[in-house]
Amino acid sequence: MFELAAIAIFIAMVFVLIRLYSGPTLYDRVLALNAFGTHTVLFIGILGFLTGRPDFLDIALLYALINFVGTIAILKFFRYRAIGDISSNGTEDETEIEVES
């Protein structure tokens, strides 16, 4: 039964990769990439259950966090063209920090 679920998730991952390649806008591609990460987390969890290794769930949770942070970083980069601090006018904050010697 779980083998069938793993196969279905793998097929869904292939469909998401097709959407990632074809998706007409940037946001469609980011959504497909996020969905691929979610399917990967599910696949790792099922794989850990099938092999009897519960430590795979820790790996799946870590990958889910990386997937979430990565999606937010990509969207922020494409909106502001910067990853660092953004000031109120939409440009990167250029404040200097003085170092005491």
PDB file of N, CA and C in Angstrom:
ATOM      1  N   MET A   1       0.822  -1.198   0.000  1.00  0.00           N
ATOM      2  CA  MET A   1       0.000   0.000   0.000  1.00  0.00           C
ATOM      3  C   MET A   1       0.869   1.267   0.000  1.00  0.00           C
ATOM      4  N   PHE A   2       1.894   1.284   0.870  1.00  0.00           N
ATOM      5  CA  PHE A   2       2.768   2.456   0.924  1.00  0.00           C
ATOM      6  C   PHE A   2       3.670   2.526  -0.313  1.00  0.00           C
ATOM      7  N   GLU A   3       3.962   1.370  -0.896  1.00  0.00           N
ATOM      8  CA  GLU A   3       4.727   1.378  -2.136  1.00  0.00           C
ATOM      9  C   GLU A   3       3.952   2.093  -3.236  1.00  0.00           C
ATOM     10  N   LEU A   4       2.644   1.871  -3.268  1.00  0.00           N
ATOM     11  CA  LEU A   4       1.786   2.531  -4.246  1.00  0.00           C
ATOM     12  C   LEU A   4       1.769   4.047  -4.020  1.00  0.00           C
ATOM     13  N   ALA A   5       1.755   4.451  -2.761  1.00  0.00           N
ATOM     14  CA  ALA A   5       1.800   5.883  -2.438  1.00  0.00           C
ATOM     15  C   ALA A   5       3.122   6.492  -2.884  1.00  0.00           C
ATOM     16  N   ALA A   6       4.223   5.786  -2.694  1.00  0.00           N
ATOM     17  CA  ALA A   6       5.529   6.286  -3.118  1.00  0.00           C
ATOM     18  C   ALA A   6       5.587   6.427  -4.636  1.00  0.00           C
ATOM     19  N   ILE A   7       5.024   5.470  -5.346  1.00  0.00           N
ATOM     20  CA  ILE A   7       4.998   5.544  -6.810  1.00  0.00           C
ATOM     21  C   ILE A   7       4.136   6.709  -7.265  1.00  0.00           C
ATOM     22  N   ALA A   8       2.983   6.916  -6.615  1.00  0.00           N
ATOM     23  CA  ALA A   8       2.096   8.030  -6.980  1.00  0.00           C
ATOM     24  C   ALA A   8       2.768   9.376  -6.727  1.00  0.00           C
ATOM     25  N   ILE A   9       3.490   9.500  -5.622  1.00  0.00           N
ATOM     26  CA  ILE A   9       4.197  10.757  -5.337  1.00  0.00           C
ATOM     27  C   ILE A   9       5.308  10.974  -6.357  1.00  0.00           C
ATOM     28  N   PHE A  10       5.988   9.912  -6.745  1.00  0.00           N
ATOM     29  CA  PHE A  10       7.038  10.040  -7.747  1.00  0.00           C
ATOM     30  C   PHE A  10       6.464  10.499  -9.092  1.00  0.00           C
ATOM     31  N   ILE A  11       5.320   9.948  -9.485  1.00  0.00           N
ATOM     32  CA  ILE A  11       4.662  10.372 -10.727  1.00  0.00           C
ATOM     33  C   ILE A  11       4.237  11.835 -10.625  1.00  0.00           C
ATOM     34  N   ALA A  12       3.721  12.233  -9.463  1.00  0.00           N
ATOM     35  CA  ALA A  12       3.342  13.636  -9.267  1.00  0.00           C
ATOM     36  C   ALA A  12       4.562  14.546  -9.354  1.00  0.00           C
ATOM     37  N   MET A  13       5.709  14.084  -8.879  1.00  0.00           N
ATOM     38  CA  MET A  13       6.939  14.870  -8.981  1.00  0.00           C
ATOM     39  C   MET A  13       7.344  15.070 -10.444  1.00  0.00           C
ATOM     40  N   VAL A  14       7.128  14.057 -11.271  1.00  0.00           N
ATOM     41  CA  VAL A  14       7.430  14.186 -12.696  1.00  0.00           C
ATOM     42  C   VAL A  14       6.517  15.235 -13.328  1.00  0.00           C
ATOM     43  N   PHE A  15       5.221  15.209 -12.978  1.00  0.00           N
ATOM     44  CA  PHE A  15       4.292  16.201 -13.514  1.00  0.00           C
ATOM     45  C   PHE A  15       4.658  17.621 -13.062  1.00  0.00           C
ATOM     46  N   VAL A  16       5.109  17.752 -11.820  1.00  0.00           N
ATOM     47  CA  VAL A  16       5.510  19.065 -11.313  1.00  0.00           C
ATOM     48  C   VAL A  16       6.762  19.552 -12.041  1.00  0.00           C
ATOM     49  N   LEU A  17       7.681  18.641 -12.363  1.00  0.00           N
ATOM     50  CA  LEU A  17       8.863  19.036 -13.136  1.00  0.00           C
ATOM     51  C   LEU A  17       8.483  19.509 -14.534  1.00  0.00           C
ATOM     52  N   ILE A  18       7.474  18.877 -15.123  1.00  0.00           N
ATOM     53  CA  ILE A  18       6.986  19.338 -16.424  1.00  0.00           C
ATOM     54  C   ILE A  18       6.414  20.748 -16.291  1.00  0.00           C
ATOM     55  N   ARG A  19       5.648  20.985 -15.219  1.00  0.00           N
ATOM     56  CA  ARG A  19       5.100  22.318 -14.989  1.00  0.00           C
ATOM     57  C   ARG A  19       6.204  23.336 -14.725  1.00  0.00           C
ATOM     58  N   LEU A  20       7.245  22.911 -14.017  1.00  0.00           N
ATOM     59  CA  LEU A  20       8.382  23.788 -13.750  1.00  0.00           C
ATOM     60  C   LEU A  20       9.062  24.203 -15.043  1.00  0.00           C
ATOM     61  N   TYR A  21       9.176  23.280 -15.968  1.00  0.00           N
ATOM     62  CA  TYR A  21       9.827  23.578 -17.241  1.00  0.00           C
ATOM     63  C   TYR A  21       8.947  24.444 -18.138  1.00  0.00           C
ATOM     64  N   SER A  22       7.640  24.203 -18.150  1.00  0.00           N
ATOM     65  CA  SER A  22       6.758  24.878 -19.102  1.00  0.00           C
ATOM     66  C   SER A  22       6.068  26.122 -18.557  1.00  0.00           C
ATOM     67  N   GLY A  23       5.850  26.180 -17.238  1.00  0.00           N
ATOM     68  CA  GLY A  23       5.044  27.220 -16.611  1.00  0.00           C
ATOM     69  C   GLY A  23       5.305  28.620 -17.114  1.00  0.00           C
ATOM     70  N   PRO A  24       4.339  29.297 -17.719  1.00  0.00           N
ATOM     71  CA  PRO A  24       4.611  30.511 -18.494  1.00  0.00           C
ATOM     72  C   PRO A  24       5.211  31.663 -17.692  1.00  0.00           C
ATOM     73  N   THR A  25       4.859  31.808 -16.430  1.00  0.00           N
ATOM     74  CA  THR A  25       5.387  32.942 -15.668  1.00  0.00           C
ATOM     75  C   THR A  25       6.390  32.465 -14.626  1.00  0.00           C
ATOM     76  N   LEU A  26       7.114  33.420 -14.097  1.00  0.00           N
ATOM     77  CA  LEU A  26       8.088  33.123 -13.052  1.00  0.00           C
ATOM     78  C   LEU A  26       7.407  32.558 -11.802  1.00  0.00           C
ATOM     79  N   TYR A  27       6.261  33.112 -11.460  1.00  0.00           N
ATOM     80  CA  TYR A  27       5.577  32.671 -10.249  1.00  0.00           C
ATOM     81  C   TYR A  27       5.033  31.255 -10.389  1.00  0.00           C
ATOM     82  N   ASP A  28       4.658  30.849 -11.600  1.00  0.00           N
ATOM     83  CA  ASP A  28       4.268  29.459 -11.827  1.00  0.00           C
ATOM     84  C   ASP A  28       5.447  28.524 -11.592  1.00  0.00           C
ATOM     85  N   ARG A  29       6.610  28.969 -12.018  1.00  0.00           N
ATOM     86  CA  ARG A  29       7.803  28.138 -11.825  1.00  0.00           C
ATOM     87  C   ARG A  29       8.205  28.059 -10.356  1.00  0.00           C
ATOM     88  N   VAL A  30       8.080  29.154  -9.630  1.00  0.00           N
ATOM     89  CA  VAL A  30       8.399  29.137  -8.198  1.00  0.00           C
ATOM     90  C   VAL A  30       7.407  28.249  -7.448  1.00  0.00           C
ATOM     91  N   LEU A  31       6.132  28.334  -7.820  1.00  0.00           N
ATOM     92  CA  LEU A  31       5.124  27.478  -7.204  1.00  0.00           C
ATOM     93  C   LEU A  31       5.406  26.008  -7.498  1.00  0.00           C
ATOM     94  N   ALA A  32       5.808  25.703  -8.729  1.00  0.00           N
ATOM     95  CA  ALA A  32       6.141  24.326  -9.079  1.00  0.00           C
ATOM     96  C   ALA A  32       7.369  23.845  -8.310  1.00  0.00           C
ATOM     97  N   LEU A  33       8.337  24.719  -8.129  1.00  0.00           N
ATOM     98  CA  LEU A  33       9.526  24.351  -7.356  1.00  0.00           C
ATOM     99  C   LEU A  33       9.172  24.084  -5.898  1.00  0.00           C
ATOM    100  N   ASN A  34       8.287  24.901  -5.333  1.00  0.00           N
ATOM    101  CA  ASN A  34       7.834  24.683  -3.967  1.00  0.00           C
ATOM    102  C   ASN A  34       7.041  23.382  -3.861  1.00  0.00           C
ATOM    103  N   ALA A  35       6.198  23.104  -4.834  1.00  0.00           N
ATOM    104  CA  ALA A  35       5.441  21.843  -4.833  1.00  0.00           C
ATOM    105  C   ALA A  35       6.373  20.645  -4.966  1.00  0.00           C
ATOM    106  N   PHE A  36       7.427  20.790  -5.769  1.00  0.00           N
ATOM    107  CA  PHE A  36       8.399  19.706  -5.893  1.00  0.00           C
ATOM    108  C   PHE A  36       9.088  19.444  -4.556  1.00  0.00           C
ATOM    109  N   GLY A  37       9.417  20.514  -3.833  1.00  0.00           N
ATOM    110  CA  GLY A  37      10.012  20.345  -2.505  1.00  0.00           C
ATOM    111  C   GLY A  37       9.074  19.658  -1.533  1.00  0.00           C
ATOM    112  N   THR A  38       7.793  20.008  -1.610  1.00  0.00           N
ATOM    113  CA  THR A  38       6.803  19.365  -0.741  1.00  0.00           C
ATOM    114  C   THR A  38       6.663  17.887  -1.077  1.00  0.00           C
ATOM    115  N   HIS A  39       6.630  17.569  -2.357  1.00  0.00           N
ATOM    116  CA  HIS A  39       6.561  16.162  -2.754  1.00  0.00           C
ATOM    117  C   HIS A  39       7.824  15.407  -2.327  1.00  0.00           C
ATOM    118  N   THR A  40       8.956  16.073  -2.358  1.00  0.00           N
ATOM    119  CA  THR A  40      10.196  15.441  -1.911  1.00  0.00           C
ATOM    120  C   THR A  40      10.141  15.122  -0.420  1.00  0.00           C
ATOM    121  N   VAL A  41       9.581  16.036   0.361  1.00  0.00           N
ATOM    122  CA  VAL A  41       9.438  15.788   1.798  1.00  0.00           C
ATOM    123  C   VAL A  41       8.528  14.573   2.038  1.00  0.00           C
ATOM    124  N   LEU A  42       7.422  14.509   1.314  1.00  0.00           N
ATOM    125  CA  LEU A  42       6.526  13.350   1.447  1.00  0.00           C
ATOM    126  C   LEU A  42       7.221  12.061   1.019  1.00  0.00           C
ATOM    127  N   PHE A  43       7.975  12.131  -0.059  1.00  0.00           N
ATOM    128  CA  PHE A  43       8.678  10.946  -0.558  1.00  0.00           C
ATOM    129  C   PHE A  43       9.728  10.461   0.441  1.00  0.00           C
ATOM    130  N   ILE A  44      10.464  11.381   1.042  1.00  0.00           N
ATOM    131  CA  ILE A  44      11.463  10.998   2.048  1.00  0.00           C
ATOM    132  C   ILE A  44      10.777  10.369   3.260  1.00  0.00           C
ATOM    133  N   GLY A  45       9.639  10.947   3.682  1.00  0.00           N
ATOM    134  CA  GLY A  45       8.910  10.373   4.820  1.00  0.00           C
ATOM    135  C   GLY A  45       8.411   8.963   4.547  1.00  0.00           C
ATOM    136  N   ILE A  46       7.849   8.747   3.371  1.00  0.00           N
ATOM    137  CA  ILE A  46       7.366   7.405   3.023  1.00  0.00           C
ATOM    138  C   ILE A  46       8.530   6.437   2.861  1.00  0.00           C
ATOM    139  N   LEU A  47       9.617   6.900   2.272  1.00  0.00           N
ATOM    140  CA  LEU A  47      10.793   6.054   2.118  1.00  0.00           C
ATOM    141  C   LEU A  47      11.347   5.641   3.482  1.00  0.00           C
ATOM    142  N   GLY A  48      11.366   6.570   4.423  1.00  0.00           N
ATOM    143  CA  GLY A  48      11.808   6.232   5.775  1.00  0.00           C
ATOM    144  C   GLY A  48      10.891   5.235   6.452  1.00  0.00           C
ATOM    145  N   PHE A  49       9.592   5.348   6.205  1.00  0.00           N
ATOM    146  CA  PHE A  49       8.646   4.387   6.780  1.00  0.00           C
ATOM    147  C   PHE A  49       8.829   3.006   6.165  1.00  0.00           C
ATOM    148  N   LEU A  50       9.020   2.964   4.848  1.00  0.00           N
ATOM    149  CA  LEU A  50       9.169   1.668   4.176  1.00  0.00           C
ATOM    150  C   LEU A  50      10.456   0.960   4.565  1.00  0.00           C
ATOM    151  N   THR A  51      11.511   1.694   4.798  1.00  0.00           N
ATOM    152  CA  THR A  51      12.782   1.074   5.166  1.00  0.00           C
ATOM    153  C   THR A  51      12.936   0.890   6.672  1.00  0.00           C
ATOM    154  N   GLY A  52      11.988   1.400   7.455  1.00  0.00           N
ATOM    155  CA  GLY A  52      12.058   1.251   8.903  1.00  0.00           C
ATOM    156  C   GLY A  52      13.088   2.152   9.553  1.00  0.00           C
ATOM    157  N   ARG A  53      13.343   3.291   8.958  1.00  0.00           N
ATOM    158  CA  ARG A  53      14.316   4.235   9.505  1.00  0.00           C
ATOM    159  C   ARG A  53      13.616   5.529   9.873  1.00  0.00           C
ATOM    160  N   PRO A  54      13.234   5.680  11.138  1.00  0.00           N
ATOM    161  CA  PRO A  54      12.505   6.890  11.544  1.00  0.00           C
ATOM    162  C   PRO A  54      13.346   8.161  11.506  1.00  0.00           C
ATOM    163  N   ASP A  55      14.671   8.042  11.405  1.00  0.00           N
ATOM    164  CA  ASP A  55      15.500   9.235  11.313  1.00  0.00           C
ATOM    165  C   ASP A  55      15.324   9.960   9.978  1.00  0.00           C
ATOM    166  N   PHE A  56      14.708   9.308   8.994  1.00  0.00           N
ATOM    167  CA  PHE A  56      14.387   9.982   7.735  1.00  0.00           C
ATOM    168  C   PHE A  56      13.373  11.102   7.955  1.00  0.00           C
ATOM    169  N   LEU A  57      12.552  10.988   8.981  1.00  0.00           N
ATOM    170  CA  LEU A  57      11.580  12.053   9.264  1.00  0.00           C
ATOM    171  C   LEU A  57      12.278  13.339   9.691  1.00  0.00           C
ATOM    172  N   ASP A  58      13.382  13.207  10.406  1.00  0.00           N
ATOM    173  CA  ASP A  58      14.171  14.394  10.760  1.00  0.00           C
ATOM    174  C   ASP A  58      14.746  15.055   9.509  1.00  0.00           C
ATOM    175  N   ILE A  59      15.219  14.234   8.598  1.00  0.00           N
ATOM    176  CA  ILE A  59      15.750  14.765   7.347  1.00  0.00           C
ATOM    177  C   ILE A  59      14.640  15.442   6.548  1.00  0.00           C
ATOM    178  N   ALA A  60      13.451  14.838   6.533  1.00  0.00           N
ATOM    179  CA  ALA A  60      12.316  15.412   5.808  1.00  0.00           C
ATOM    180  C   ALA A  60      11.904  16.759   6.412  1.00  0.00           C
ATOM    181  N   LEU A  61      11.894  16.870   7.732  1.00  0.00           N
ATOM    182  CA  LEU A  61      11.561  18.143   8.371  1.00  0.00           C
ATOM    183  C   LEU A  61      12.596  19.220   8.062  1.00  0.00           C
ATOM    184  N   LEU A  62      13.851  18.845   8.077  1.00  0.00           N
ATOM    185  CA  LEU A  62      14.907  19.795   7.739  1.00  0.00           C
ATOM    186  C   LEU A  62      14.774  20.258   6.288  1.00  0.00           C
ATOM    187  N   TYR A  63      14.468  19.334   5.404  1.00  0.00           N
ATOM    188  CA  TYR A  63      14.296  19.699   4.003  1.00  0.00           C
ATOM    189  C   TYR A  63      13.072  20.599   3.817  1.00  0.00           C
ATOM    190  N   ALA A  64      12.018  20.371   4.602  1.00  0.00           N
ATOM    191  CA  ALA A  64      10.828  21.228   4.515  1.00  0.00           C
ATOM    192  C   ALA A  64      11.166  22.658   4.933  1.00  0.00           C
ATOM    193  N   LEU A  65      11.959  22.817   5.981  1.00  0.00           N
ATOM    194  CA  LEU A  65      12.362  24.155   6.413  1.00  0.00           C
ATOM    195  C   LEU A  65      13.229  24.849   5.366  1.00  0.00           C
ATOM    196  N   ILE A  66      14.158  24.101   4.779  1.00  0.00           N
ATOM    197  CA  ILE A  66      15.008  24.672   3.731  1.00  0.00           C
ATOM    198  C   ILE A  66      14.164  25.056   2.522  1.00  0.00           C
ATOM    199  N   ASN A  67      13.188  24.234   2.187  1.00  0.00           N
ATOM    200  CA  ASN A  67      12.299  24.522   1.063  1.00  0.00           C
ATOM    201  C   ASN A  67      11.513  25.807   1.312  1.00  0.00           C
ATOM    202  N   PHE A  68      11.005  25.979   2.504  1.00  0.00           N
ATOM    203  CA  PHE A  68      10.230  27.179   2.833  1.00  0.00           C
ATOM    204  C   PHE A  68      11.095  28.436   2.767  1.00  0.00           C
ATOM    205  N   VAL A  69      12.244  28.400   3.407  1.00  0.00           N
ATOM    206  CA  VAL A  69      13.135  29.564   3.420  1.00  0.00           C
ATOM    207  C   VAL A  69      13.638  29.871   2.010  1.00  0.00           C
ATOM    208  N   GLY A  70      13.940  28.850   1.243  1.00  0.00           N
ATOM    209  CA  GLY A  70      14.389  29.048  -0.122  1.00  0.00           C
ATOM    210  C   GLY A  70      13.330  29.683  -1.000  1.00  0.00           C
ATOM    211  N   THR A  71      12.084  29.272  -0.835  1.00  0.00           N
ATOM    212  CA  THR A  71      10.991  29.861  -1.617  1.00  0.00           C
ATOM    213  C   THR A  71      10.813  31.332  -1.277  1.00  0.00           C
ATOM    214  N   ILE A  72      10.848  31.665   0.001  1.00  0.00           N
ATOM    215  CA  ILE A  72      10.724  33.064   0.410  1.00  0.00           C
ATOM    216  C   ILE A  72      11.896  33.888  -0.124  1.00  0.00           C
ATOM    217  N   ALA A  73      13.104  33.334  -0.069  1.00  0.00           N
ATOM    218  CA  ALA A  73      14.280  34.057  -0.567  1.00  0.00           C
ATOM    219  C   ALA A  73      14.190  34.291  -2.071  1.00  0.00           C
ATOM    220  N   ILE A  74      13.741  33.308  -2.816  1.00  0.00           N
ATOM    221  CA  ILE A  74      13.609  33.472  -4.270  1.00  0.00           C
ATOM    222  C   ILE A  74      12.584  34.539  -4.598  1.00  0.00           C
ATOM    223  N   LEU A  75      11.438  34.493  -3.933  1.00  0.00           N
ATOM    224  CA  LEU A  75      10.401  35.500  -4.202  1.00  0.00           C
ATOM    225  C   LEU A  75      10.865  36.900  -3.816  1.00  0.00           C
ATOM    226  N   LYS A  76      11.587  37.017  -2.690  1.00  0.00           N
ATOM    227  CA  LYS A  76      12.097  38.323  -2.281  1.00  0.00           C
ATOM    228  C   LYS A  76      13.137  38.837  -3.272  1.00  0.00           C
ATOM    229  N   PHE A  77      13.978  37.946  -3.760  1.00  0.00           N
ATOM    230  CA  PHE A  77      14.989  38.365  -4.725  1.00  0.00           C
ATOM    231  C   PHE A  77      14.356  38.862  -6.019  1.00  0.00           C
ATOM    232  N   PHE A  78      13.353  38.156  -6.521  1.00  0.00           N
ATOM    233  CA  PHE A  78      12.751  38.570  -7.776  1.00  0.00           C
ATOM    234  C   PHE A  78      11.872  39.807  -7.629  1.00  0.00           C
ATOM    235  N   ARG A  79      11.465  40.108  -6.416  1.00  0.00           N
ATOM    236  CA  ARG A  79      10.680  41.332  -6.227  1.00  0.00           C
ATOM    237  C   ARG A  79      11.578  42.553  -6.047  1.00  0.00           C
ATOM    238  N   TYR A  80      12.612  42.421  -5.198  1.00  0.00           N
ATOM    239  CA  TYR A  80      13.465  43.565  -4.873  1.00  0.00           C
ATOM    240  C   TYR A  80      14.830  43.538  -5.540  1.00  0.00           C
ATOM    241  N   ARG A  81      15.193  42.450  -6.197  1.00  0.00           N
ATOM    242  CA  ARG A  81      16.509  42.250  -6.794  1.00  0.00           C
ATOM    243  C   ARG A  81      17.623  42.321  -5.768  1.00  0.00           C
ATOM    244  N   ALA A  82      17.306  41.969  -4.527  1.00  0.00           N
ATOM    245  CA  ALA A  82      18.308  41.927  -3.452  1.00  0.00           C
ATOM    246  C   ALA A  82      17.819  40.975  -2.377  1.00  0.00           C
ATOM    247  N   ILE A  83      18.753  40.358  -1.667  1.00  0.00           N
ATOM    248  CA  ILE A  83      18.399  39.460  -0.572  1.00  0.00           C
ATOM    249  C   ILE A  83      18.546  40.154   0.770  1.00  0.00           C
ATOM    250  N   GLY A  84      19.421  41.144   0.880  1.00  0.00           N
ATOM    251  CA  GLY A  84      19.707  41.817   2.141  1.00  0.00           C
ATOM    252  C   GLY A  84      18.570  42.714   2.603  1.00  0.00           C
ATOM    253  N   ASP A  85      18.897  43.664   3.482  1.00  0.00           N
ATOM    254  CA  ASP A  85      17.903  44.591   4.015  1.00  0.00           C
ATOM    255  C   ASP A  85      17.370  45.491   2.905  1.00  0.00           C
ATOM    256  N   ILE A  86      16.076  45.733   2.952  1.00  0.00           N
ATOM    257  CA  ILE A  86      15.430  46.589   1.969  1.00  0.00           C
ATOM    258  C   ILE A  86      14.925  47.830   2.694  1.00  0.00           C
ATOM    259  N   SER A  87      15.309  49.011   2.198  1.00  0.00           N
ATOM    260  CA  SER A  87      14.827  50.242   2.816  1.00  0.00           C
ATOM    261  C   SER A  87      13.439  50.572   2.295  1.00  0.00           C
ATOM    262  N   SER A  88      12.868  51.663   2.764  1.00  0.00           N
ATOM    263  CA  SER A  88      11.485  52.003   2.430  1.00  0.00           C
ATOM    264  C   SER A  88      11.295  52.356   0.961  1.00  0.00           C
ATOM    265  N   ASN A  89      12.334  52.795   0.268  1.00  0.00           N
ATOM    266  CA  ASN A  89      12.173  53.155  -1.136  1.00  0.00           C
ATOM    267  C   ASN A  89      12.432  51.994  -2.089  1.00  0.00           C
ATOM    268  N   GLY A  90      12.619  50.784  -1.561  1.00  0.00           N
ATOM    269  CA  GLY A  90      12.759  49.604  -2.400  1.00  0.00           C
ATOM    270  C   GLY A  90      14.175  49.278  -2.827  1.00  0.00           C
ATOM    271  N   THR A  91      15.161  50.038  -2.312  1.00  0.00           N
ATOM    272  CA  THR A  91      16.543  49.734  -2.642  1.00  0.00           C
ATOM    273  C   THR A  91      17.224  49.128  -1.431  1.00  0.00           C
ATOM    274  N   GLU A  92      18.358  48.545  -1.673  1.00  0.00           N
ATOM    275  CA  GLU A  92      19.082  47.921  -0.576  1.00  0.00           C
ATOM    276  C   GLU A  92      19.623  48.985   0.373  1.00  0.00           C
ATOM    277  N   ASP A  93      19.526  48.729   1.679  1.00  0.00           N
ATOM    278  CA  ASP A  93      19.984  49.668   2.690  1.00  0.00           C
ATOM    279  C   ASP A  93      21.504  49.743   2.657  1.00  0.00           C
ATOM    280  N   GLU A  94      22.050  50.960   2.547  1.00  0.00           N
ATOM    281  CA  GLU A  94      23.483  51.128   2.413  1.00  0.00           C
ATOM    282  C   GLU A  94      24.093  51.806   3.631  1.00  0.00           C
ATOM    283  N   THR A  95      23.628  51.494   4.811  1.00  0.00           N
ATOM    284  CA  THR A  95      24.204  52.084   6.019  1.00  0.00           C
ATOM    285  C   THR A  95      25.537  51.433   6.314  1.00  0.00           C
ATOM    286  N   GLU A  96      26.475  52.229   6.789  1.00  0.00           N
ATOM    287  CA  GLU A  96      27.785  51.708   7.115  1.00  0.00           C
ATOM    288  C   GLU A  96      27.890  51.476   8.618  1.00  0.00           C
ATOM    289  N   ILE A  97      28.628  50.469   8.981  1.00  0.00           N
ATOM    290  CA  ILE A  97      28.844  50.152  10.391  1.00  0.00           C
ATOM    291  C   ILE A  97      30.280  50.524  10.726  1.00  0.00           C
ATOM    292  N   GLU A  98      30.424  51.359  11.755  1.00  0.00           N
ATOM    293  CA  GLU A  98      31.754  51.775  12.164  1.00  0.00           C
ATOM    294  C   GLU A  98      32.333  50.739  13.105  1.00  0.00           C
ATOM    295  N   VAL A  99      33.596  50.421  12.890  1.00  0.00           N
ATOM    296  CA  VAL A  99      34.294  49.426  13.716  1.00  0.00           C
ATOM    297  C   VAL A  99      35.281  50.173  14.584  1.00  0.00           C
ATOM    298  N   GLU A 100      35.205  49.919  15.900  1.00  0.00           N
ATOM    299  CA  GLU A 100      36.155  50.538  16.811  1.00  0.00           C
ATOM    300  C   GLU A 100      37.446  49.754  16.800  1.00  0.00           C
ATOM    301  N   SER A 101      38.584  50.472  16.809  1.00  0.00           N
ATOM    302  CA  SER A 101      39.874  49.785  16.806  1.00  0.00           C
ATOM    303  C   SER A 101      40.540  49.834  18.148  1.00  0.00           C
TER     304      SER A 101
END
